[in-house]
Protein backbone atom coordinates (compact mmCIF):
# COMPACT_ATOMS: atom_id res chain seq x y z
CA UNK A 1 -44.89 -19.22 -10.65
CA UNK A 2 -41.99 -19.61 -8.01
CA UNK A 3 -40.77 -16.34 -6.52
CA UNK A 4 -37.13 -15.26 -8.47
CA UNK A 5 -34.76 -15.66 -5.26
CA UNK A 6 -32.14 -13.25 -6.51
CA UNK A 7 -35.24 -10.80 -6.59
CA UNK A 8 -35.92 -11.75 -2.95
CA UNK A 9 -32.16 -11.23 -2.10
CA UNK A 10 -31.78 -7.99 -3.36
CA UNK A 11 -34.97 -6.70 -1.67
CA UNK A 12 -33.34 -7.99 1.45
CA UNK A 13 -30.15 -6.62 1.05
CA UNK A 14 -31.59 -3.19 0.34
CA UNK A 15 -33.99 -4.05 3.79
CA UNK A 16 -30.83 -4.51 6.08
CA UNK A 17 -28.91 -1.59 4.12
CA UNK A 18 -31.84 0.62 4.98
CA UNK A 19 -31.96 -0.12 8.43
CA UNK A 20 -28.32 0.51 8.93
CA UNK A 21 -28.88 4.24 7.32
CA UNK A 22 -31.81 4.69 9.70
CA UNK A 23 -30.08 3.54 12.75
CA UNK A 24 -26.92 5.70 11.80
CA UNK A 25 -29.14 8.68 11.03
CA UNK A 26 -30.51 8.78 14.37
CA UNK A 27 -26.65 8.19 15.78
CA UNK A 28 -25.74 11.17 13.75
CA UNK A 29 -28.75 13.50 15.46
CA UNK A 30 -27.40 12.24 18.96
CA UNK A 31 -23.87 13.09 17.61
CA UNK A 32 -24.96 16.36 16.48
CA UNK A 33 -26.94 17.54 19.90
CA UNK A 34 -23.89 16.17 21.86
CA UNK A 35 -21.25 17.73 19.78
CA UNK A 36 -19.30 14.62 19.25
CA UNK A 37 -17.70 15.48 16.09
CA UNK A 38 -15.73 11.79 15.75
CA UNK A 39 -19.05 9.72 15.92
CA UNK A 40 -20.29 11.76 13.29
CA UNK A 41 -17.64 11.17 11.19
CA UNK A 42 -17.58 7.71 11.81
CA UNK A 43 -21.43 7.22 11.10
CA UNK A 44 -21.29 9.63 7.56
CA UNK A 45 -18.30 7.24 6.54
CA UNK A 46 -20.62 3.90 7.44
CA UNK A 47 -23.47 5.59 5.45
CA UNK A 48 -21.04 6.50 2.32
CA UNK A 49 -19.79 3.15 2.56
CA UNK A 50 -23.44 1.51 2.60
CA UNK A 51 -24.32 3.54 -0.41
CA UNK A 52 -21.25 2.56 -2.46
CA UNK A 53 -21.85 -1.01 -1.63
CA UNK A 54 -25.50 -1.08 -2.98
CA UNK A 55 -24.43 0.96 -5.80
CA UNK A 56 -21.65 -1.16 -6.69
CA UNK A 57 -23.63 -4.67 -6.53
CA UNK A 58 -21.32 -7.32 -7.40
CA UNK A 59 -18.61 -5.06 -7.89
CA UNK A 60 -18.31 -4.12 -4.25
CA UNK A 61 -14.72 -5.75 -3.88
CA UNK A 62 -13.25 -2.70 -5.32
CA UNK A 63 -13.53 -0.86 -2.28
CA UNK A 64 -10.68 -2.95 -1.18
CA UNK A 65 -8.18 -1.72 -3.60
CA UNK A 66 -10.09 1.73 -4.16
CA UNK A 67 -9.67 1.72 -0.15
CA UNK A 68 -5.51 1.48 -0.29
CA UNK A 69 -5.64 4.12 -2.94
CA UNK A 70 -7.52 6.30 -0.82
CA UNK A 71 -5.00 5.72 2.58
CA UNK A 72 -4.28 9.21 4.07
CA UNK A 73 -7.68 10.95 2.93
CA UNK A 74 -9.41 10.31 6.02
CA UNK A 75 -9.33 8.37 8.91
CA UNK A 76 -12.93 8.09 10.53
CA UNK A 77 -12.60 6.72 14.31
CA UNK A 78 -9.03 6.14 13.89
CA UNK A 79 -9.62 3.73 11.17
CA UNK A 80 -7.22 3.63 8.15
CA UNK A 81 -9.48 3.43 4.46
CA UNK A 82 -7.75 0.55 3.88
CA UNK A 83 -8.98 -1.37 6.61
CA UNK A 84 -12.34 0.14 6.13
CA UNK A 85 -12.58 -0.92 2.39
CA UNK A 86 -11.31 -4.66 3.59
CA UNK A 87 -13.77 -4.88 6.11
CA UNK A 88 -16.63 -3.49 3.86
CA UNK A 89 -15.59 -5.93 1.31
CA UNK A 90 -15.27 -9.02 3.60
CA UNK A 91 -18.77 -8.32 5.45
CA UNK A 92 -20.34 -7.62 1.92
CA UNK A 93 -18.89 -11.01 0.95
CA UNK A 94 -20.55 -12.76 3.63
CA UNK A 95 -23.89 -11.42 3.36
CA UNK A 96 -23.91 -12.23 -0.33
CA UNK A 97 -22.60 -15.59 0.16
CA UNK A 98 -25.55 -16.22 2.34
CA UNK A 99 -28.14 -14.92 0.09
CA UNK A 100 -26.45 -16.87 -2.71
CA UNK A 101 -26.22 -14.02 -4.99
CA UNK A 102 -22.91 -14.46 -6.42
CA UNK A 103 -23.64 -18.26 -7.64
CA UNK A 104 -21.94 -18.50 -11.38
CA UNK A 105 -19.98 -15.17 -10.91
CA UNK A 106 -17.09 -16.65 -8.88
CA UNK A 107 -14.15 -18.94 -9.50
CA UNK A 108 -12.11 -20.60 -6.73
CA UNK A 109 -8.27 -20.29 -7.40
CA UNK A 110 -6.13 -22.79 -5.51
CA UNK A 111 -3.06 -20.39 -6.29
CA UNK A 112 -4.29 -18.56 -2.73
CA UNK A 113 -3.09 -21.61 -0.87
CA UNK A 114 0.62 -20.49 -1.51
CA UNK A 115 -0.06 -17.42 0.76
CA UNK A 116 -1.35 -20.12 3.44
CA UNK A 117 1.88 -21.27 5.03
CA UNK A 118 3.03 -17.71 6.02
CA UNK A 119 -0.78 -17.45 7.43
CA UNK A 120 -0.52 -20.28 9.58
CA UNK A 121 2.81 -19.57 10.88
CA UNK A 122 1.48 -16.18 12.01
CA UNK A 123 -1.35 -17.59 13.50
CA UNK A 124 0.77 -20.33 15.34
CA UNK A 125 2.83 -17.25 16.74
CA UNK A 126 -0.25 -15.68 17.78
CA UNK A 127 -1.79 -19.01 20.01
CA UNK A 128 1.72 -18.82 21.44
CA UNK A 129 2.38 -15.44 22.74
CA UNK A 130 -1.07 -13.82 22.16
CA UNK A 131 -1.10 -9.89 23.00
CA UNK A 132 -4.36 -9.93 24.53
CA UNK A 133 -7.12 -7.04 24.38
CA UNK A 134 -5.25 -5.02 26.65
CA UNK A 135 -2.40 -4.41 24.28
CA UNK A 136 -4.46 -3.68 21.22
CA UNK A 137 -2.49 -0.87 20.46
CA UNK A 138 -3.01 1.30 17.40
CA UNK A 139 -1.92 1.45 13.86
CA UNK A 140 1.68 0.93 14.79
CA UNK A 141 1.88 -1.43 17.93
CA UNK A 142 0.08 -4.27 19.39
CA UNK A 143 -2.66 -6.63 18.36
CA UNK A 144 -3.86 -4.45 15.44
CA UNK A 145 -1.27 -6.00 13.45
CA UNK A 146 -2.94 -9.54 13.86
CA UNK A 147 -5.96 -7.95 12.48
CA UNK A 148 -4.81 -6.32 9.78
CA UNK A 149 -3.14 -9.59 8.74
CA UNK A 150 -6.49 -11.04 9.42
CA UNK A 151 -8.19 -8.62 6.99
CA UNK A 152 -5.54 -8.59 4.25
CA UNK A 153 -5.97 -12.50 4.05
CA UNK A 154 -9.37 -12.83 3.93
CA UNK A 155 -9.73 -9.66 1.12
CA UNK A 156 -7.33 -11.67 -0.68
CA UNK A 157 -9.42 -14.96 -0.66
CA UNK A 158 -12.34 -12.59 -1.70
CA UNK A 159 -10.48 -10.63 -4.32
CA UNK A 160 -9.08 -13.90 -5.74
CA UNK A 161 -12.58 -15.72 -6.62
CA UNK A 162 -14.00 -12.83 -8.48
CA UNK A 163 -13.76 -12.27 -12.19
CA UNK A 164 -12.42 -8.95 -12.76
CA UNK A 165 -12.92 -7.86 -16.27
CA UNK A 166 -11.84 -5.20 -18.61
CA UNK A 167 -14.53 -2.88 -17.45
CA UNK A 168 -13.84 -3.52 -13.64
CA UNK A 169 -10.10 -2.42 -14.25
CA UNK A 170 -11.21 0.89 -16.12
CA UNK A 171 -13.06 2.11 -13.15
CA UNK A 172 -10.27 0.79 -10.99
CA UNK A 173 -7.88 3.13 -12.99
CA UNK A 174 -9.92 5.97 -13.20
CA UNK A 175 -11.02 6.16 -9.53
CA UNK A 176 -7.64 5.59 -8.50
CA UNK A 177 -6.14 8.58 -10.28
CA UNK A 178 -8.98 10.78 -8.56
CA UNK A 179 -8.44 9.37 -5.21
CA UNK A 180 -4.67 9.75 -5.55
CA UNK A 181 -5.24 13.21 -6.55
CA UNK A 182 -7.34 13.79 -3.69
CA UNK A 183 -4.76 12.23 -1.36
CA UNK A 184 -2.01 14.57 -2.71
CA UNK A 185 -4.20 17.85 -2.65
CA UNK A 186 -5.42 16.71 1.01
CA UNK A 187 -2.06 16.21 2.38
CA UNK A 188 -0.35 19.20 0.87
CA UNK A 189 -3.01 21.43 2.38
CA UNK A 190 -2.90 19.76 5.57
CA UNK A 191 0.82 20.64 5.48
CA UNK A 192 0.54 23.74 4.40
CA UNK A 193 -1.20 25.13 7.62
CA UNK A 194 1.41 23.69 10.15
CA UNK A 195 4.48 23.83 7.72
CA UNK A 196 7.66 25.05 9.46
CA UNK A 197 10.19 26.95 7.61
CA UNK A 198 10.80 24.77 4.70
CA UNK A 199 14.53 26.14 4.50
CA UNK A 200 15.25 23.82 7.39
CA UNK A 201 13.28 20.80 6.53
CA UNK A 202 14.92 17.64 5.17
CA UNK A 203 12.14 15.29 4.44
CA UNK A 204 8.56 16.73 3.12
CA UNK A 205 6.28 13.55 3.35
CA UNK A 206 3.33 15.43 1.84
CA UNK A 207 4.75 15.19 -1.35
CA UNK A 208 4.75 11.42 -1.39
CA UNK A 209 1.42 10.67 -2.74
CA UNK A 210 2.42 11.81 -6.04
CA UNK A 211 4.57 8.75 -6.97
CA UNK A 212 1.02 6.71 -6.82
CA UNK A 213 -0.15 8.89 -9.19
CA UNK A 214 3.24 8.83 -11.41
CA UNK A 215 3.00 5.05 -11.24
CA UNK A 216 -0.59 4.95 -12.76
CA UNK A 217 0.37 7.48 -15.70
CA UNK A 218 3.41 5.01 -16.95
CA UNK A 219 1.36 1.87 -16.27
CA UNK A 220 -1.27 2.95 -18.82
CA UNK A 221 0.91 5.07 -21.39
CA UNK A 222 3.61 3.42 -23.40
CA UNK A 223 6.86 5.62 -22.79
CA UNK A 224 6.78 7.04 -26.37
CA UNK A 225 3.58 8.88 -25.61
CA UNK A 226 5.44 11.39 -23.03
CA UNK A 227 8.05 12.27 -25.65
CA UNK A 228 5.13 14.04 -27.68
CA UNK A 229 4.86 16.83 -25.03
CA UNK A 230 1.44 16.52 -24.41
CA UNK A 231 -0.22 16.91 -21.10
CA UNK A 232 1.00 13.52 -19.96
CA UNK A 233 4.60 14.83 -20.12
CA UNK A 234 4.04 17.98 -17.83
CA UNK A 235 1.92 15.97 -15.31
CA UNK A 236 4.70 13.16 -15.37
CA UNK A 237 7.21 16.16 -14.98
CA UNK A 238 5.44 17.78 -12.06
CA UNK A 239 4.82 14.52 -10.19
CA UNK A 240 8.52 13.56 -10.80
CA UNK A 241 9.60 17.11 -9.07
CA UNK A 242 7.29 16.39 -6.12
CA UNK A 243 8.80 12.84 -5.63
CA UNK A 244 12.22 15.05 -5.62
CA UNK A 245 10.73 17.43 -3.05
CA UNK A 246 9.56 14.83 -0.80
CA UNK A 247 13.21 13.79 0.08
CA UNK A 248 12.87 10.03 0.28
CA UNK A 249 15.42 8.00 -1.51
CA UNK A 250 13.34 5.11 -2.06
CA UNK A 251 10.63 7.06 -3.68
CA UNK A 252 13.23 8.80 -5.98
CA UNK A 253 14.61 5.39 -6.88
CA UNK A 254 11.48 3.73 -7.86
CA UNK A 255 10.34 6.97 -9.67
CA UNK A 256 13.54 6.77 -11.72
CA UNK A 257 13.20 2.81 -12.59
CA UNK A 258 9.44 2.41 -12.98
CA UNK A 259 9.36 3.55 -16.79
CA UNK A 260 12.69 1.68 -17.49
CA UNK A 261 11.32 -1.24 -15.84
CA UNK A 262 7.71 -0.98 -17.79
CA UNK A 263 9.39 -0.51 -21.12
CA UNK A 264 11.32 -3.85 -20.73
CA UNK A 265 8.50 -5.86 -19.06
CA UNK A 266 6.38 -5.16 -21.81
CA UNK A 267 8.54 -5.09 -24.55
CA UNK A 268 7.76 -1.49 -25.92
CA UNK A 269 9.67 1.82 -26.89
CA UNK A 270 12.69 0.02 -25.49
CA UNK A 271 15.44 1.80 -27.58
CA UNK A 272 13.60 5.40 -27.08
CA UNK A 273 13.55 4.85 -23.49
CA UNK A 274 17.58 3.73 -23.09
CA UNK A 275 18.27 6.65 -24.89
CA UNK A 276 16.02 9.05 -23.26
CA UNK A 277 17.56 7.34 -20.28
CA UNK A 278 21.01 8.30 -21.34
CA UNK A 279 20.34 12.08 -22.12
CA UNK A 280 18.78 12.12 -18.70
CA UNK A 281 21.98 10.77 -17.35
CA UNK A 282 24.20 13.48 -18.58
CA UNK A 283 21.95 16.18 -17.44
CA UNK A 284 22.04 14.24 -13.79
CA UNK A 285 25.87 14.22 -13.48
CA UNK A 286 25.81 18.27 -14.79
CA UNK A 287 23.46 18.80 -12.11
CA UNK A 288 25.31 16.70 -9.27
CA UNK A 289 28.58 18.54 -10.21
CA UNK A 290 27.12 21.67 -9.82
CA UNK A 291 25.75 20.82 -6.45
CA UNK A 292 27.65 22.49 -3.55
CA UNK A 293 29.58 24.41 -6.13
CA UNK A 294 27.58 26.54 -8.31
CA UNK A 295 24.23 26.28 -6.44
CA UNK A 296 22.48 24.69 -3.59
CA UNK A 297 19.47 21.97 -4.22
CA UNK A 298 16.69 22.53 -1.28
CA UNK A 299 17.35 20.48 1.22
CA UNK A 300 14.38 17.77 0.59
CA UNK A 301 15.93 17.00 -3.00
CA UNK A 302 19.26 17.14 -1.65
CA UNK A 303 18.25 14.27 0.77
CA UNK A 304 16.52 12.30 -2.09
CA UNK A 305 19.41 12.43 -4.21
CA UNK A 306 21.83 11.68 -1.59
CA UNK A 307 22.62 8.24 -2.32
CA UNK A 308 24.62 9.42 -5.40
CA UNK A 309 28.20 11.15 -5.09
CA UNK A 310 28.11 15.02 -4.76
CA UNK A 311 29.13 17.95 -2.32
CA UNK A 312 25.75 17.82 -0.29
CA UNK A 313 25.05 19.95 2.85
CA UNK A 314 26.31 19.22 6.02
CA UNK A 315 22.85 18.21 7.25
CA UNK A 316 22.93 15.25 4.88
CA UNK A 317 25.99 13.69 5.53
CA UNK A 318 24.67 11.19 7.95
CA UNK A 319 23.01 9.50 5.20
CA UNK A 320 24.94 10.09 2.29
CA UNK A 321 26.05 7.63 -0.09
CA UNK A 322 24.70 4.33 1.09
CA UNK A 323 24.79 5.13 4.90
CA UNK A 324 22.02 4.56 7.24
CA UNK A 325 22.71 5.01 10.55
CA UNK A 326 18.94 4.82 11.72
CA UNK A 327 17.89 1.25 10.06
CA UNK A 328 21.54 -0.47 10.80
CA UNK A 329 20.58 0.47 14.64
CA UNK A 330 17.40 -0.89 14.27
CA UNK A 331 18.36 -4.09 12.38
CA UNK A 332 21.08 -4.69 14.91
CA UNK A 333 18.11 -5.57 17.44
CA UNK A 334 16.51 -7.54 14.97
CA UNK A 335 19.46 -9.86 14.47
CA UNK A 336 19.78 -10.04 18.45
CA UNK A 337 16.42 -11.55 18.41
CA UNK A 338 16.61 -13.83 15.13
CA UNK A 339 19.97 -15.27 17.18
CA UNK A 340 18.07 -15.93 20.18
CA UNK A 341 15.37 -17.83 18.97
CA UNK A 342 16.19 -18.41 14.99
CA UNK A 343 12.95 -20.93 14.78
CA UNK A 344 10.23 -18.70 16.16
CA UNK A 345 11.82 -15.29 16.73
CA UNK A 346 9.98 -13.14 19.31
CA UNK A 347 6.62 -15.22 18.37
CA UNK A 348 4.99 -12.27 17.14
CA UNK A 349 3.61 -8.63 17.93
CA UNK A 350 2.93 -9.19 21.58
CA UNK A 351 4.35 -6.19 23.78
CA UNK A 352 4.54 -6.16 27.70
CA UNK A 353 2.39 -3.46 29.04
CA UNK A 354 4.84 -1.43 30.48
CA UNK A 355 6.66 -1.57 27.18
CA UNK A 356 3.53 -0.82 25.00
CA UNK A 357 2.84 2.29 27.10
CA UNK A 358 6.22 3.48 26.76
CA UNK A 359 6.56 3.41 22.95
CA UNK A 360 2.98 4.67 22.58
CA UNK A 361 3.69 7.90 24.37
CA UNK A 362 6.87 8.24 22.22
CA UNK A 363 9.19 6.35 24.36
CA UNK A 364 12.58 5.87 22.44
CA UNK A 365 16.27 6.97 22.52
CA UNK A 366 19.29 7.43 19.81
CA UNK A 367 19.80 4.04 20.08
CA UNK A 368 15.66 3.48 18.66
CA UNK A 369 14.89 0.79 20.97
CA UNK A 370 11.07 1.95 20.63
CA UNK A 371 11.13 1.14 17.09
CA UNK A 372 12.59 -2.28 17.77
CA UNK A 373 9.84 -3.05 20.47
CA UNK A 374 7.24 -2.18 18.06
CA UNK A 375 8.72 -4.13 15.32
CA UNK A 376 9.43 -1.43 12.95
CA UNK A 377 12.42 -3.35 11.84
CA UNK A 378 12.62 -1.89 8.34
CA UNK A 379 13.70 -4.56 6.63
CA UNK A 380 11.28 -6.82 5.27
CA UNK A 381 13.38 -10.28 5.48
CA UNK A 382 15.20 -9.45 8.75
CA UNK A 383 12.19 -8.07 10.32
CA UNK A 384 9.90 -11.28 9.65
CA UNK A 385 12.56 -13.43 10.94
CA UNK A 386 13.26 -11.72 14.23
CA UNK A 387 9.21 -11.42 14.51
CA UNK A 388 8.71 -15.38 13.45
CA UNK A 389 11.97 -17.04 12.82
CA UNK A 390 13.58 -18.03 9.94
CA UNK A 391 10.52 -20.31 8.64
CA UNK A 392 8.45 -17.11 8.69
CA UNK A 393 10.87 -15.78 6.04
CA UNK A 394 10.87 -18.58 3.86
CA UNK A 395 7.06 -18.67 3.55
CA UNK A 396 6.97 -14.99 2.74
CA UNK A 397 9.52 -15.62 -0.25
CA UNK A 398 7.16 -18.43 -0.99
CA UNK A 399 4.31 -15.90 -1.46
CA UNK A 400 6.78 -13.36 -3.11
CA UNK A 401 7.67 -15.75 -5.59
CA UNK A 402 3.96 -16.47 -6.18
CA UNK A 403 2.97 -12.80 -6.57
CA UNK A 404 5.64 -12.32 -9.23
CA UNK A 405 4.79 -15.48 -11.14
CA UNK A 406 1.03 -14.12 -11.14
CA UNK A 407 1.78 -10.77 -11.97
CA UNK A 408 4.02 -11.89 -15.04
CA UNK A 409 1.27 -14.45 -16.13
CA UNK A 410 -1.32 -11.90 -16.00
CA UNK A 411 0.42 -9.08 -18.11
CA UNK A 412 1.01 -11.44 -20.79
CA UNK A 413 -2.55 -12.72 -20.76
CA UNK A 414 -3.80 -9.19 -20.87
CA UNK A 415 -4.44 -7.38 -24.32
CA UNK A 416 -1.95 -4.53 -25.11
CA UNK A 417 -3.56 -1.22 -24.37
CA UNK A 418 -6.35 -2.64 -22.15
CA UNK A 419 -6.95 -1.50 -18.98
CA UNK A 420 -6.77 -5.16 -17.60
CA UNK A 421 -2.72 -4.53 -18.70
CA UNK A 422 -2.54 -1.14 -16.78
CA UNK A 423 -3.62 -2.71 -13.69
CA UNK A 424 -1.61 -5.85 -14.00
CA UNK A 425 1.36 -3.55 -15.17
CA UNK A 426 1.08 -1.08 -12.03
CA UNK A 427 0.66 -3.82 -9.34
CA UNK A 428 3.71 -6.37 -11.06
CA UNK A 429 5.79 -3.60 -11.59
CA UNK A 430 5.04 -2.41 -7.91
CA UNK A 431 5.96 -5.83 -6.48
CA UNK A 432 9.43 -6.17 -8.10
CA UNK A 433 10.00 -2.41 -6.77
CA UNK A 434 8.70 -3.74 -3.40
CA UNK A 435 11.24 -6.87 -3.52
CA UNK A 436 14.12 -4.83 -4.87
CA UNK A 437 13.70 -2.55 -1.78
CA UNK A 438 12.61 -5.11 0.66
CA UNK A 439 16.11 -4.79 2.79
CA UNK A 440 15.41 -1.03 3.54
CA UNK A 441 11.79 -1.29 4.35
CA UNK A 442 8.67 -3.44 5.12
CA UNK A 443 7.01 -5.01 8.02
CA UNK A 444 5.90 -8.08 9.39
CA UNK A 445 2.16 -7.18 9.37
CA UNK A 446 1.77 -4.35 6.94
CA UNK A 447 3.46 -6.12 4.16
CA UNK A 448 0.78 -9.14 4.37
CA UNK A 449 -1.80 -6.49 4.70
CA UNK A 450 -0.81 -4.81 1.74
CA UNK A 451 0.05 -7.63 -1.39
CA UNK A 452 -2.32 -10.22 -0.23
CA UNK A 453 -5.20 -8.32 -1.43
CA UNK A 454 -2.69 -7.42 -4.48
CA UNK A 455 -2.27 -10.90 -5.21
CA UNK A 456 -5.88 -11.94 -4.74
CA UNK A 457 -6.71 -8.86 -7.52
CA UNK A 458 -4.30 -10.60 -10.04
CA UNK A 459 -5.59 -13.98 -9.48
CA UNK A 460 -9.43 -12.52 -9.98
CA UNK A 461 -8.44 -10.43 -13.54
CA UNK A 462 -9.75 -12.59 -15.96
CA UNK A 463 -8.79 -11.51 -19.58
CA UNK A 464 -11.03 -11.56 -22.51
CA UNK A 465 -8.44 -12.79 -25.02
CA UNK A 466 -4.61 -13.92 -25.18
CA UNK A 467 -2.22 -11.93 -26.90
């Protein structure tokens, strides 16, 4: 009888990972003896990743969305968890396909081609103006942006060919909650060790991880569940306060809009949701009337609500209402690039070496030239046009439409109350919020890096039945 090729492939894979673990064991031993903590951290991270790949088997692709969920938890060797997740998924897919382990368990979906024009246009910009290894940069400047784009596109392909089941989505939901809580706790603990006098701090970014947990909670439970005053009500209240205390206007806007959006998209508890929002609106009006007259809210909360009319503290005056001098200034540089070359923009992310050094070591002025050179335009559409020309923005618009249509389709196909529906709600509502806020945030490379894998995941969801 002929040997089972699948069993042979599994044994070969185990042998390869065993060899990797053995090699890393020697590296850790040498690192301990030399006292190089960073090398030890990288080796440990690789061991954990290799172990997870072996344990997950055909579910290895989960390391990509879970890597994004763990963003900010640790950064071994300067790599972000999202980057590590994408690299692990892409590498494992290559090994498994070489060993023919996924035959019959994957399905190519042509919808991924809708992201191809934007990817090709960015590749053309790279060829016309390559950054070069000397401008590799770090997480905010240089060639690393192109690496992120490539990782995001390739991870999207891998995720899109999977058959993501109800059990898979249940695991994603539960582990994402755990990772989100860990990121929040880690952020709070780190800030507590070096936090200045909070009475003078306007923005407390350490509270921002609470928003992802809020989204997951409202993606899984109907609005009516939160009005029963169970644990969901109290946890949602704590997460809302944490978001307010972060002082980010976009986060406050998103958290305020998410439950209402979810109710109308899923057509559940709509009357109850609207009635609750009307009561909350009355409470908010009373809160705003008293601000600066009867009491003073903490500065971060004032900043988070500063887009609403009230008597805010003087330090909030610069951004009161819809004013945003920082973003207006940075966008003026972006529009200058668009007018200079509307077809190709500035041809991508290449930065002259002298400017790279200047930006890398904190070079900027009150006019924020450093942000402009680094491409931190804080506007998706103007930013893409500045970096890649008007056609780049058109291609990103095409992908955005495909993302919305795919999210809407998957949500309608998934059974109510299922974990597949939870995941679809989370990413579909997230994509809507991303587009609504695209005039205030977004980056030409970081947006594709984040949303291409999400698009692939939505394509990969395979509902067990229609509803």
